[in-house]
Protein backbone atom coordinates (compact mmCIF):
# COMPACT_ATOMS: atom_id res chain seq x y z
CA MET A 1 -132.26 19.77 122.17
CA SER A 2 -134.25 22.55 123.78
CA ALA A 3 -132.27 25.17 121.86
CA SER A 4 -133.38 23.81 118.49
CA MET A 5 -137.06 23.93 119.45
CA SER A 6 -136.90 27.51 120.67
CA HIS A 7 -135.89 28.97 117.28
CA GLY A 8 -139.44 28.60 115.97
CA ALA A 9 -139.06 27.38 112.36
CA ASN A 10 -140.78 29.50 109.76
CA ALA A 11 -142.67 27.15 107.48
CA GLU A 12 -143.74 28.80 104.25
CA PRO A 13 -145.84 26.74 101.88
CA ASN A 14 -144.55 26.08 98.38
CA LEU A 15 -147.02 27.90 96.09
CA THR A 16 -145.47 26.76 92.82
CA PRO A 17 -147.73 23.70 92.33
CA MET A 18 -150.86 25.72 93.11
CA LEU A 19 -149.89 28.53 90.72
CA ASP A 20 -149.08 25.96 88.06
CA MET A 21 -152.53 24.39 88.44
CA VAL A 22 -154.27 27.80 88.30
CA PHE A 23 -152.36 28.65 85.12
CA GLN A 24 -153.40 25.34 83.54
CA LEU A 25 -157.07 25.94 84.46
CA VAL A 26 -157.03 29.46 83.00
CA THR A 27 -155.44 28.12 79.81
CA PHE A 28 -158.02 25.34 79.59
CA PHE A 29 -160.96 27.73 79.91
CA MET A 30 -159.46 30.11 77.36
CA LEU A 31 -159.24 27.25 74.87
CA VAL A 32 -162.77 25.92 75.35
CA ILE A 33 -164.70 29.18 75.46
CA ASN A 34 -167.12 29.53 72.55
CA PHE A 35 -167.09 32.96 70.91
CA LYS A 36 -169.48 31.82 68.15
CA GLY A 37 -172.42 32.19 70.55
CA ALA A 38 -171.72 35.91 70.82
CA ALA A 39 -172.21 36.25 67.07
CA MET A 40 -175.86 35.22 67.29
CA ASP A 41 -178.61 37.78 67.81
CA LEU A 42 -181.06 36.00 70.11
CA SER A 43 -183.76 38.63 69.60
CA LEU A 44 -184.48 37.27 66.11
CA LYS A 45 -187.48 35.01 65.60
CA LEU A 46 -186.12 32.45 63.17
CA PRO A 47 -188.49 30.76 60.73
CA VAL A 48 -189.73 27.30 61.68
CA VAL A 49 -188.83 24.49 59.28
CA GLY A 50 -189.38 20.87 60.27
CA SER A 51 -186.23 19.66 58.49
CA ALA A 52 -183.87 22.22 60.08
CA ARG A 53 -180.49 20.79 61.09
CA PRO A 54 -177.12 22.14 62.27
CA VAL A 55 -174.71 23.75 59.81
CA ASP A 56 -172.40 21.23 58.12
CA ALA A 57 -169.00 22.92 57.98
CA LYS A 58 -167.78 20.63 55.15
CA GLY A 59 -164.22 20.81 56.42
CA LYS A 60 -164.23 24.60 56.47
CA GLU A 61 -163.52 26.02 59.88
CA GLU A 62 -164.58 29.58 59.13
CA LEU A 63 -168.17 30.74 59.58
CA LEU A 64 -169.35 34.27 58.82
CA VAL A 65 -172.53 34.78 60.84
CA LEU A 66 -174.88 37.52 59.58
CA ASN A 67 -177.99 38.45 61.56
CA ILE A 68 -180.75 40.24 59.65
CA ASP A 69 -183.67 41.72 61.56
CA HIS A 70 -187.24 42.18 60.32
CA GLU A 71 -186.32 45.58 58.83
CA GLY A 72 -183.47 44.09 56.80
CA GLN A 73 -180.78 45.67 58.97
CA LEU A 74 -177.55 43.68 59.26
CA LYS A 75 -176.28 43.11 62.80
CA VAL A 76 -172.96 41.55 63.73
CA TYR A 77 -172.20 40.85 67.40
CA GLY A 78 -175.27 42.94 68.27
CA GLU A 79 -173.91 46.00 66.46
CA PRO A 80 -175.88 47.32 63.47
CA LYS A 81 -173.93 47.63 60.22
CA PRO A 82 -175.59 50.33 58.09
CA ASP A 83 -173.14 49.85 55.20
CA VAL A 84 -173.84 46.23 54.28
CA LYS A 85 -171.77 46.28 51.09
CA GLY A 86 -168.80 47.87 52.85
CA TYR A 87 -168.90 45.39 55.72
CA ILE A 88 -169.12 42.34 53.44
CA ALA A 89 -166.36 43.72 51.20
CA GLU A 90 -164.08 44.17 54.24
CA GLU A 91 -164.82 40.63 55.44
CA ALA A 92 -164.13 39.28 51.95
CA ARG A 93 -160.76 41.07 51.86
CA SER A 94 -159.77 39.55 55.20
CA TYR A 95 -160.79 36.05 54.04
CA VAL A 96 -158.83 36.50 50.78
CA ALA A 97 -155.74 37.58 52.72
CA ALA A 98 -156.03 34.62 55.09
CA ALA A 99 -156.61 32.19 52.21
CA LYS A 100 -153.57 33.50 50.31
CA GLN A 101 -151.44 33.16 53.41
CA LYS A 102 -152.65 29.60 54.02
CA ASP A 103 -152.63 28.46 50.38
CA GLY A 104 -150.16 30.05 47.96
CA ASN A 105 -152.22 28.86 44.95
CA PHE A 106 -155.34 30.78 46.01
CA GLN A 107 -156.47 33.26 43.34
CA THR A 108 -158.58 36.36 44.02
CA GLY A 109 -161.55 35.06 41.98
CA ASP A 110 -161.72 31.69 43.77
CA SER A 111 -164.54 30.79 46.14
CA LEU A 112 -163.76 32.04 49.63
CA PRO A 113 -163.10 29.35 52.26
CA ALA A 114 -165.96 30.32 54.55
CA ILE A 115 -169.61 29.48 55.03
CA VAL A 116 -171.94 32.44 55.34
CA VAL A 117 -174.52 31.61 58.01
CA ILE A 118 -177.56 33.84 57.58
CA ARG A 119 -179.87 34.18 60.57
CA ALA A 120 -182.83 36.18 59.29
CA ASP A 121 -185.96 37.06 61.23
CA GLN A 122 -189.05 35.30 59.94
CA ALA A 123 -190.61 38.69 59.12
CA THR A 124 -187.67 39.81 56.94
CA PRO A 125 -188.85 40.58 53.41
CA PHE A 126 -187.25 38.33 50.80
CA GLU A 127 -185.91 41.22 48.74
CA LEU A 128 -183.84 42.45 51.69
CA LEU A 129 -182.51 38.97 52.38
CA ASN A 130 -181.76 38.45 48.70
CA ARG A 131 -179.82 41.74 48.58
CA VAL A 132 -177.50 40.50 51.36
CA ILE A 133 -177.00 37.12 49.65
CA LYS A 134 -176.30 38.77 46.29
CA THR A 135 -173.77 41.13 47.90
CA CYS A 136 -171.99 38.15 49.48
CA GLN A 137 -171.89 36.35 46.13
CA ASP A 138 -170.51 39.44 44.39
CA HIS A 139 -167.59 39.43 46.84
CA GLY A 140 -166.70 35.74 46.42
CA PHE A 141 -168.72 33.94 49.08
CA GLN A 142 -170.28 30.82 47.56
CA ASP A 143 -171.34 28.61 50.48
CA PHE A 144 -174.43 29.64 52.40
CA ALA A 145 -176.46 28.24 55.28
CA LEU A 146 -179.83 29.68 56.25
CA LYS A 147 -180.64 29.15 59.91
CA ALA A 148 -184.11 28.03 60.98
CA MET A 149 -185.74 26.35 63.95
CA ASN A 150 -187.14 22.84 63.72
CA ARG A 151 -189.93 23.61 66.22
CA PRO A 152 -191.38 26.81 67.63
CA GLN A 153 -190.18 28.01 71.01
């Protein structure tokens, strides 16, 4: 009996359940992270409209968020896009490719399955805002949402 106690058993913990739980937590947080918040330029002072409400996606999961500052410069993920027409054309091509892959009956002239969310500074001149909207329409975007605040901050 004394011989069995003198060997000093090496007890190593089983790490498999802990590693499994860590993997599940990492997967959970990867799934719930919101990348849409990174698309918003928080330096913009949005116009105040009392009837402002959240964007209704109407069953469309894709949102194209465009931030326009008071000088009419387009910013996406905080990066200025000097070639507005080129950027919107590239986005339209990617939406067309995705729509054709998802729906075989999609034609190039059809309305693109995305909502363009325009976040324009309250000091943005209308002609600059209108130029961006017109460019989007020329490339097949038909659904628009203009962001506003329902009360001043």
